[in-house]
């Protein structure tokens, strides 16, 4: 029975991938980021931090064959791995409870030549709460963390612990990337805690800015892929000054 259950679940994932590709192609997506941190163009050497609830849309919109996504060793993680692989990404398996040390070593290697995506509130929550693993990785690798926020015009939310978002067909989605957060290699435990708190604020701000751009898009009806040159790109806590915008 276990074999048939797994076969059914994996077959369901394959079917969902086929339908999902067509479904998501109808979604109108606007990605906003600093051109220096555009992982669609230059993915190597970046760490992407995204909430578990946004994993579908963030990965789809920031598509790159060089992106590696951290996924837990759980049974649900197996389905997520199959889904992510079907979308063209590679995965790194591990979590704080199982395979964490090996996953950290692999991520340190991968950040040299590719982009690593992490859900800092995974694998089981609490939702929307950053854990320090991502800032530890940034300090050891020297790679900046790009906090990602997503805003949805119309979306379905699943009943999972993360209340996963799935945008409805022909809806609007804004994906906003904050400027890179750099964590010094010399950071001690207390400093890592502060950087983790900084990242928490950046994640919140990324969502707020995505919501602002979505509201403007809905009111004007204008949609253009936009890059935002952020003058304070490498500060720990960027000022909320109006950014100069340029079309990608």
C-alpha atoms as a PDB file:
ATOM      1  CA  UNK A   1       0.000   0.000   0.000  1.00  0.00           C
ATOM      2  CA  UNK A   2       2.881   2.367   0.766  1.00  0.00           C
ATOM      3  CA  UNK A   3       4.289   1.817  -2.742  1.00  0.00           C
ATOM      4  CA  UNK A   4       0.952   2.569  -4.403  1.00  0.00           C
ATOM      5  CA  UNK A   5       0.440   5.637  -2.222  1.00  0.00           C
ATOM      6  CA  UNK A   6       3.838   6.995  -3.222  1.00  0.00           C
ATOM      7  CA  UNK A   7       3.262   6.115  -6.883  1.00  0.00           C
ATOM      8  CA  UNK A   8      -0.093   7.923  -6.806  1.00  0.00           C
ATOM      9  CA  UNK A   9       1.372  10.977  -5.090  1.00  0.00           C
ATOM     10  CA  UNK A  10       4.298  11.250  -7.503  1.00  0.00           C
ATOM     11  CA  UNK A  11       1.990  10.719 -10.489  1.00  0.00           C
ATOM     12  CA  UNK A  12      -0.205  13.480  -9.107  1.00  0.00           C
ATOM     13  CA  UNK A  13       2.840  15.764  -8.908  1.00  0.00           C
ATOM     14  CA  UNK A  14       3.680  15.019 -12.558  1.00  0.00           C
ATOM     15  CA  UNK A  15       0.107  15.826 -13.599  1.00  0.00           C
ATOM     16  CA  UNK A  16       0.084  18.984 -11.473  1.00  0.00           C
ATOM     17  CA  UNK A  17       3.332  20.118 -13.107  1.00  0.00           C
ATOM     18  CA  UNK A  18       1.842  19.812 -16.579  1.00  0.00           C
ATOM     19  CA  UNK A  19      -1.284  21.735 -15.616  1.00  0.00           C
ATOM     20  CA  UNK A  20       0.675  24.148 -13.435  1.00  0.00           C
ATOM     21  CA  UNK A  21       2.998  25.250 -16.230  1.00  0.00           C
ATOM     22  CA  UNK A  22       0.020  26.218 -18.389  1.00  0.00           C
ATOM     23  CA  UNK A  23      -1.736  27.783 -15.387  1.00  0.00           C
ATOM     24  CA  UNK A  24       1.228  29.916 -14.324  1.00  0.00           C
ATOM     25  CA  UNK A  25       2.006  31.039 -17.873  1.00  0.00           C
ATOM     26  CA  UNK A  26      -1.269  32.974 -17.769  1.00  0.00           C
ATOM     27  CA  UNK A  27      -0.198  34.884 -14.644  1.00  0.00           C
ATOM     28  CA  UNK A  28       1.138  38.403 -15.255  1.00  0.00           C
ATOM     29  CA  UNK A  29       4.308  38.891 -13.220  1.00  0.00           C
ATOM     30  CA  UNK A  30       6.317  42.032 -12.520  1.00  0.00           C
ATOM     31  CA  UNK A  31       9.787  41.534 -10.980  1.00  0.00           C
ATOM     32  CA  UNK A  32      11.335  44.599  -9.333  1.00  0.00           C
ATOM     33  CA  UNK A  33      14.958  44.629  -8.219  1.00  0.00           C
ATOM     34  CA  UNK A  34      18.237  46.503  -8.276  1.00  0.00           C
ATOM     35  CA  UNK A  35      19.962  45.703 -11.611  1.00  0.00           C
ATOM     36  CA  UNK A  36      23.123  44.783  -9.681  1.00  0.00           C
ATOM     37  CA  UNK A  37      21.148  42.081  -7.851  1.00  0.00           C
ATOM     38  CA  UNK A  38      19.119  40.707 -10.769  1.00  0.00           C
ATOM     39  CA  UNK A  39      19.551  36.956 -10.279  1.00  0.00           C
ATOM     40  CA  UNK A  40      17.802  36.301 -13.594  1.00  0.00           C
ATOM     41  CA  UNK A  41      20.855  37.807 -15.322  1.00  0.00           C
ATOM     42  CA  UNK A  42      23.668  37.058 -12.879  1.00  0.00           C
ATOM     43  CA  UNK A  43      22.607  34.390 -10.370  1.00  0.00           C
ATOM     44  CA  UNK A  44      26.047  33.351  -9.111  1.00  0.00           C
ATOM     45  CA  UNK A  45      27.042  34.339  -5.590  1.00  0.00           C
ATOM     46  CA  UNK A  46      23.590  35.283  -4.255  1.00  0.00           C
ATOM     47  CA  UNK A  47      21.373  33.889  -1.502  1.00  0.00           C
ATOM     48  CA  UNK A  48      17.623  34.336  -2.027  1.00  0.00           C
ATOM     49  CA  UNK A  49      15.480  34.484   1.109  1.00  0.00           C
ATOM     50  CA  UNK A  50      11.762  33.874   0.488  1.00  0.00           C
ATOM     51  CA  UNK A  51       8.844  32.870   2.658  1.00  0.00           C
ATOM     52  CA  UNK A  52       7.681  29.272   2.296  1.00  0.00           C
ATOM     53  CA  UNK A  53       4.237  30.554   1.270  1.00  0.00           C
ATOM     54  CA  UNK A  54       5.759  32.202  -1.829  1.00  0.00           C
ATOM     55  CA  UNK A  55       7.952  29.337  -3.027  1.00  0.00           C
ATOM     56  CA  UNK A  56       5.894  28.637  -6.175  1.00  0.00           C
ATOM     57  CA  UNK A  57       5.782  32.157  -7.565  1.00  0.00           C
ATOM     58  CA  UNK A  58       9.222  33.275  -6.434  1.00  0.00           C
ATOM     59  CA  UNK A  59      10.936  30.298  -8.053  1.00  0.00           C
ATOM     60  CA  UNK A  60       8.883  30.615 -11.243  1.00  0.00           C
ATOM     61  CA  UNK A  61       9.596  34.328 -11.657  1.00  0.00           C
ATOM     62  CA  UNK A  62      13.291  34.187 -10.739  1.00  0.00           C
ATOM     63  CA  UNK A  63      13.896  31.206 -12.985  1.00  0.00           C
ATOM     64  CA  UNK A  64      17.519  30.228 -13.558  1.00  0.00           C
ATOM     65  CA  UNK A  65      19.129  26.873 -14.259  1.00  0.00           C
ATOM     66  CA  UNK A  66      21.830  27.926 -11.780  1.00  0.00           C
ATOM     67  CA  UNK A  67      19.393  28.238  -8.868  1.00  0.00           C
ATOM     68  CA  UNK A  68      19.575  25.649  -6.073  1.00  0.00           C
ATOM     69  CA  UNK A  69      16.635  25.399  -3.655  1.00  0.00           C
ATOM     70  CA  UNK A  70      16.990  24.061  -0.097  1.00  0.00           C
ATOM     71  CA  UNK A  71      14.306  21.423   0.614  1.00  0.00           C
ATOM     72  CA  UNK A  72      13.794  19.303   3.746  1.00  0.00           C
ATOM     73  CA  UNK A  73      14.261  15.515   3.925  1.00  0.00           C
ATOM     74  CA  UNK A  74      10.597  14.992   4.864  1.00  0.00           C
ATOM     75  CA  UNK A  75       8.070  13.121   2.703  1.00  0.00           C
ATOM     76  CA  UNK A  76       6.502  16.457   1.752  1.00  0.00           C
ATOM     77  CA  UNK A  77       9.994  17.628   0.846  1.00  0.00           C
ATOM     78  CA  UNK A  78      10.171  14.767  -1.638  1.00  0.00           C
ATOM     79  CA  UNK A  79       7.094  16.049  -3.459  1.00  0.00           C
ATOM     80  CA  UNK A  80       8.447  19.600  -3.380  1.00  0.00           C
ATOM     81  CA  UNK A  81      11.766  18.361  -4.773  1.00  0.00           C
ATOM     82  CA  UNK A  82      10.017  16.617  -7.665  1.00  0.00           C
ATOM     83  CA  UNK A  83       8.000  19.764  -8.355  1.00  0.00           C
ATOM     84  CA  UNK A  84      11.022  22.075  -8.253  1.00  0.00           C
ATOM     85  CA  UNK A  85      13.066  19.713 -10.421  1.00  0.00           C
ATOM     86  CA  UNK A  86      10.194  19.663 -12.893  1.00  0.00           C
ATOM     87  CA  UNK A  87      10.371  23.454 -13.062  1.00  0.00           C
ATOM     88  CA  UNK A  88      14.032  23.248 -14.063  1.00  0.00           C
ATOM     89  CA  UNK A  89      15.799  23.856 -10.737  1.00  0.00           C
ATOM     90  CA  UNK A  90      18.125  21.692  -8.676  1.00  0.00           C
ATOM     91  CA  UNK A  91      17.607  21.024  -4.981  1.00  0.00           C
ATOM     92  CA  UNK A  92      19.731  20.638  -1.874  1.00  0.00           C
ATOM     93  CA  UNK A  93      18.172  18.312   0.707  1.00  0.00           C
ATOM     94  CA  UNK A  94      18.487  19.059   4.404  1.00  0.00           C
ATOM     95  CA  UNK A  95      17.005  20.874   7.399  1.00  0.00           C
ATOM     96  CA  UNK A  96      17.879  21.822  10.963  1.00  0.00           C
ATOM     97  CA  UNK A  97      16.766  18.364  12.176  1.00  0.00           C
ATOM     98  CA  UNK A  98      18.112  16.087   9.441  1.00  0.00           C
ATOM     99  CA  UNK A  99      21.047  16.495   7.087  1.00  0.00           C
ATOM    100  CA  UNK A 100      21.613  20.095   8.122  1.00  0.00           C
ATOM    101  CA  UNK A 101      25.413  20.005   8.338  1.00  0.00           C
ATOM    102  CA  UNK A 102      25.772  18.286   4.976  1.00  0.00           C
ATOM    103  CA  UNK A 103      23.289  20.711   3.386  1.00  0.00           C
ATOM    104  CA  UNK A 104      25.231  23.679   4.793  1.00  0.00           C
ATOM    105  CA  UNK A 105      28.483  22.368   3.308  1.00  0.00           C
ATOM    106  CA  UNK A 106      26.805  21.840  -0.053  1.00  0.00           C
ATOM    107  CA  UNK A 107      25.276  25.326  -0.004  1.00  0.00           C
ATOM    108  CA  UNK A 108      28.673  26.850   0.789  1.00  0.00           C
ATOM    109  CA  UNK A 109      30.052  25.151  -2.318  1.00  0.00           C
ATOM    110  CA  UNK A 110      27.092  26.114  -4.484  1.00  0.00           C
ATOM    111  CA  UNK A 111      27.160  29.836  -3.634  1.00  0.00           C
ATOM    112  CA  UNK A 112      30.488  30.147  -5.456  1.00  0.00           C
ATOM    113  CA  UNK A 113      28.988  29.381  -8.868  1.00  0.00           C
ATOM    114  CA  UNK A 114      25.217  29.515  -8.457  1.00  0.00           C
ATOM    115  CA  UNK A 115      22.328  31.051  -6.547  1.00  0.00           C
ATOM    116  CA  UNK A 116      20.905  29.372  -3.433  1.00  0.00           C
ATOM    117  CA  UNK A 117      17.248  29.888  -2.459  1.00  0.00           C
ATOM    118  CA  UNK A 118      16.229  29.362   1.174  1.00  0.00           C
ATOM    119  CA  UNK A 119      12.891  29.590   2.971  1.00  0.00           C
ATOM    120  CA  UNK A 120      14.017  30.895   6.387  1.00  0.00           C
ATOM    121  CA  UNK A 121      10.694  29.946   8.011  1.00  0.00           C
ATOM    122  CA  UNK A 122      10.841  26.343   6.737  1.00  0.00           C
ATOM    123  CA  UNK A 123      10.533  23.445   6.888  1.00  0.00           C
ATOM    124  CA  UNK A 124       7.652  23.575   9.390  1.00  0.00           C
ATOM    125  CA  UNK A 125       7.450  27.129  10.663  1.00  0.00           C
ATOM    126  CA  UNK A 126       6.583  29.150  12.536  1.00  0.00           C
ATOM    127  CA  UNK A 127       5.505  30.959   9.358  1.00  0.00           C
ATOM    128  CA  UNK A 128       7.003  34.339   8.468  1.00  0.00           C
ATOM    129  CA  UNK A 129       9.725  34.032  11.105  1.00  0.00           C
ATOM    130  CA  UNK A 130      13.385  34.127  10.002  1.00  0.00           C
ATOM    131  CA  UNK A 131      15.731  31.558  11.540  1.00  0.00           C
ATOM    132  CA  UNK A 132      19.444  32.296  11.757  1.00  0.00           C
ATOM    133  CA  UNK A 133      20.628  29.585   9.322  1.00  0.00           C
ATOM    134  CA  UNK A 134      20.447  31.907   6.327  1.00  0.00           C
ATOM    135  CA  UNK A 135      22.529  34.649   7.973  1.00  0.00           C
ATOM    136  CA  UNK A 136      25.080  32.050   9.107  1.00  0.00           C
ATOM    137  CA  UNK A 137      25.371  30.861   5.490  1.00  0.00           C
ATOM    138  CA  UNK A 138      25.839  34.459   4.321  1.00  0.00           C
ATOM    139  CA  UNK A 139      28.617  35.080   6.838  1.00  0.00           C
ATOM    140  CA  UNK A 140      30.523  31.931   5.900  1.00  0.00           C
ATOM    141  CA  UNK A 141      30.065  32.239   2.129  1.00  0.00           C
ATOM    142  CA  UNK A 142      30.435  36.013   1.732  1.00  0.00           C
ATOM    143  CA  UNK A 143      27.293  36.030  -0.444  1.00  0.00           C
ATOM    144  CA  UNK A 144      24.667  38.781  -0.014  1.00  0.00           C
ATOM    145  CA  UNK A 145      21.109  37.858   1.004  1.00  0.00           C
ATOM    146  CA  UNK A 146      18.305  39.138  -1.230  1.00  0.00           C
ATOM    147  CA  UNK A 147      15.036  39.345   0.714  1.00  0.00           C
ATOM    148  CA  UNK A 148      12.055  38.572  -1.548  1.00  0.00           C
ATOM    149  CA  UNK A 149       8.471  39.711  -1.090  1.00  0.00           C
ATOM    150  CA  UNK A 150       5.466  38.699  -3.209  1.00  0.00           C
ATOM    151  CA  UNK A 151       2.071  40.357  -3.603  1.00  0.00           C
ATOM    152  CA  UNK A 152      -0.897  38.666  -5.284  1.00  0.00           C
ATOM    153  CA  UNK A 153      -3.886  40.192  -7.007  1.00  0.00           C
ATOM    154  CA  UNK A 154      -5.990  37.025  -6.783  1.00  0.00           C
ATOM    155  CA  UNK A 155      -4.744  33.762  -5.331  1.00  0.00           C
ATOM    156  CA  UNK A 156      -5.807  30.510  -3.703  1.00  0.00           C
ATOM    157  CA  UNK A 157      -4.291  29.667  -0.318  1.00  0.00           C
ATOM    158  CA  UNK A 158      -3.788  26.058   0.685  1.00  0.00           C
ATOM    159  CA  UNK A 159      -4.528  24.724   4.151  1.00  0.00           C
ATOM    160  CA  UNK A 160      -0.895  23.806   4.856  1.00  0.00           C
ATOM    161  CA  UNK A 161       1.080  25.254   7.778  1.00  0.00           C
ATOM    162  CA  UNK A 162       2.519  27.973   5.504  1.00  0.00           C
ATOM    163  CA  UNK A 163      -0.833  28.821   3.814  1.00  0.00           C
ATOM    164  CA  UNK A 164       0.899  28.426   0.439  1.00  0.00           C
ATOM    165  CA  UNK A 165      -0.116  30.937  -2.255  1.00  0.00           C
ATOM    166  CA  UNK A 166      -1.126  29.792  -5.733  1.00  0.00           C
ATOM    167  CA  UNK A 167      -2.046  32.714  -8.028  1.00  0.00           C
ATOM    168  CA  UNK A 168      -5.240  32.358 -10.030  1.00  0.00           C
ATOM    169  CA  UNK A 169      -5.109  32.358 -13.852  1.00  0.00           C
ATOM    170  CA  UNK A 170      -4.671  35.784 -15.485  1.00  0.00           C
ATOM    171  CA  UNK A 171      -4.060  37.441 -12.117  1.00  0.00           C
ATOM    172  CA  UNK A 172      -1.262  39.899 -11.275  1.00  0.00           C
ATOM    173  CA  UNK A 173       1.774  39.136  -9.126  1.00  0.00           C
ATOM    174  CA  UNK A 174       4.588  41.465  -8.045  1.00  0.00           C
ATOM    175  CA  UNK A 175       7.907  39.994  -6.877  1.00  0.00           C
ATOM    176  CA  UNK A 176      10.122  42.529  -5.091  1.00  0.00           C
ATOM    177  CA  UNK A 177      13.796  41.937  -4.246  1.00  0.00           C
ATOM    178  CA  UNK A 178      15.419  44.053  -1.560  1.00  0.00           C
ATOM    179  CA  UNK A 179      19.076  45.102  -1.989  1.00  0.00           C
ATOM    180  CA  UNK A 180      21.702  42.649  -0.802  1.00  0.00           C
ATOM    181  CA  UNK A 181      22.336  42.205   2.916  1.00  0.00           C
ATOM    182  CA  UNK A 182      25.997  41.375   3.553  1.00  0.00           C
ATOM    183  CA  UNK A 183      27.010  39.617   6.769  1.00  0.00           C
ATOM    184  CA  UNK A 184      30.713  39.814   7.768  1.00  0.00           C
ATOM    185  CA  UNK A 185      32.568  36.549   8.249  1.00  0.00           C
ATOM    186  CA  UNK A 186      33.737  37.780  11.651  1.00  0.00           C
ATOM    187  CA  UNK A 187      30.162  38.101  12.984  1.00  0.00           C
ATOM    188  CA  UNK A 188      29.713  36.419  16.381  1.00  0.00           C
ATOM    189  CA  UNK A 189      26.499  34.894  17.773  1.00  0.00           C
ATOM    190  CA  UNK A 190      25.164  38.226  19.039  1.00  0.00           C
ATOM    191  CA  UNK A 191      25.903  39.953  15.738  1.00  0.00           C
ATOM    192  CA  UNK A 192      24.318  37.097  13.760  1.00  0.00           C
ATOM    193  CA  UNK A 193      21.182  37.535  15.871  1.00  0.00           C
ATOM    194  CA  UNK A 194      21.130  41.234  14.919  1.00  0.00           C
ATOM    195  CA  UNK A 195      21.569  40.457  11.223  1.00  0.00           C
ATOM    196  CA  UNK A 196      18.780  37.887  11.500  1.00  0.00           C
ATOM    197  CA  UNK A 197      16.541  40.602  12.969  1.00  0.00           C
ATOM    198  CA  UNK A 198      17.600  42.928  10.126  1.00  0.00           C
ATOM    199  CA  UNK A 199      16.655  40.253   7.582  1.00  0.00           C
ATOM    200  CA  UNK A 200      13.275  39.814   9.283  1.00  0.00           C
ATOM    201  CA  UNK A 201      12.602  43.530   8.758  1.00  0.00           C
ATOM    202  CA  UNK A 202      13.759  43.340   5.142  1.00  0.00           C
ATOM    203  CA  UNK A 203      11.392  40.442   4.471  1.00  0.00           C
ATOM    204  CA  UNK A 204       8.516  42.481   5.888  1.00  0.00           C
ATOM    205  CA  UNK A 205       9.545  45.548   3.876  1.00  0.00           C
ATOM    206  CA  UNK A 206       9.891  43.524   0.660  1.00  0.00           C
ATOM    207  CA  UNK A 207       6.286  42.363   1.069  1.00  0.00           C
ATOM    208  CA  UNK A 208       5.084  45.909   1.798  1.00  0.00           C
ATOM    209  CA  UNK A 209       6.817  47.313  -1.288  1.00  0.00           C
ATOM    210  CA  UNK A 210       5.440  44.494  -3.436  1.00  0.00           C
ATOM    211  CA  UNK A 211       1.941  45.370  -2.201  1.00  0.00           C
ATOM    212  CA  UNK A 212       2.525  49.066  -3.014  1.00  0.00           C
ATOM    213  CA  UNK A 213       3.632  48.279  -6.577  1.00  0.00           C
ATOM    214  CA  UNK A 214       0.723  45.872  -7.052  1.00  0.00           C
ATOM    215  CA  UNK A 215      -1.755  48.556  -5.967  1.00  0.00           C
ATOM    216  CA  UNK A 216      -0.173  51.069  -8.382  1.00  0.00           C
ATOM    217  CA  UNK A 217      -0.252  48.512 -11.195  1.00  0.00           C
ATOM    218  CA  UNK A 218      -3.918  47.731 -10.543  1.00  0.00           C
ATOM    219  CA  UNK A 219      -4.883  51.415 -10.475  1.00  0.00           C
ATOM    220  CA  UNK A 220      -2.962  52.460 -13.608  1.00  0.00           C
ATOM    221  CA  UNK A 221      -3.158  49.241 -15.593  1.00  0.00           C
ATOM    222  CA  UNK A 222       0.456  49.732 -16.655  1.00  0.00           C
ATOM    223  CA  UNK A 223       2.747  46.725 -16.538  1.00  0.00           C
ATOM    224  CA  UNK A 224       6.446  46.980 -17.376  1.00  0.00           C
ATOM    225  CA  UNK A 225       9.318  44.835 -16.084  1.00  0.00           C
ATOM    226  CA  UNK A 226      11.144  47.337 -13.899  1.00  0.00           C
ATOM    227  CA  UNK A 227      14.525  47.531 -12.231  1.00  0.00           C
ATOM    228  CA  UNK A 228      15.088  49.917  -9.348  1.00  0.00           C
ATOM    229  CA  UNK A 229      18.539  51.394  -8.780  1.00  0.00           C
ATOM    230  CA  UNK A 230      18.873  51.472  -5.003  1.00  0.00           C
ATOM    231  CA  UNK A 231      21.570  53.873  -3.874  1.00  0.00           C
ATOM    232  CA  UNK A 232      21.895  52.257  -0.431  1.00  0.00           C
ATOM    233  CA  UNK A 233      22.106  48.742  -1.834  1.00  0.00           C
ATOM    234  CA  UNK A 234      24.652  47.378   0.628  1.00  0.00           C
ATOM    235  CA  UNK A 235      23.434  48.948   3.831  1.00  0.00           C
ATOM    236  CA  UNK A 236      22.125  46.652   6.555  1.00  0.00           C
ATOM    237  CA  UNK A 237      18.873  48.584   6.817  1.00  0.00           C
ATOM    238  CA  UNK A 238      18.172  50.573   3.624  1.00  0.00           C
ATOM    239  CA  UNK A 239      16.514  53.955   3.911  1.00  0.00           C
ATOM    240  CA  UNK A 240      13.031  54.145   2.432  1.00  0.00           C
ATOM    241  CA  UNK A 241      13.862  56.962   0.031  1.00  0.00           C
ATOM    242  CA  UNK A 242      12.160  57.034  -3.386  1.00  0.00           C
ATOM    243  CA  UNK A 243      14.254  54.973  -5.804  1.00  0.00           C
ATOM    244  CA  UNK A 244      15.213  55.941  -9.326  1.00  0.00           C
ATOM    245  CA  UNK A 245      13.513  53.556 -11.743  1.00  0.00           C
ATOM    246  CA  UNK A 246      14.682  52.299 -15.106  1.00  0.00           C
ATOM    247  CA  UNK A 247      13.134  49.820 -17.491  1.00  0.00           C
ATOM    248  CA  UNK A 248      14.944  46.476 -17.679  1.00  0.00           C
END
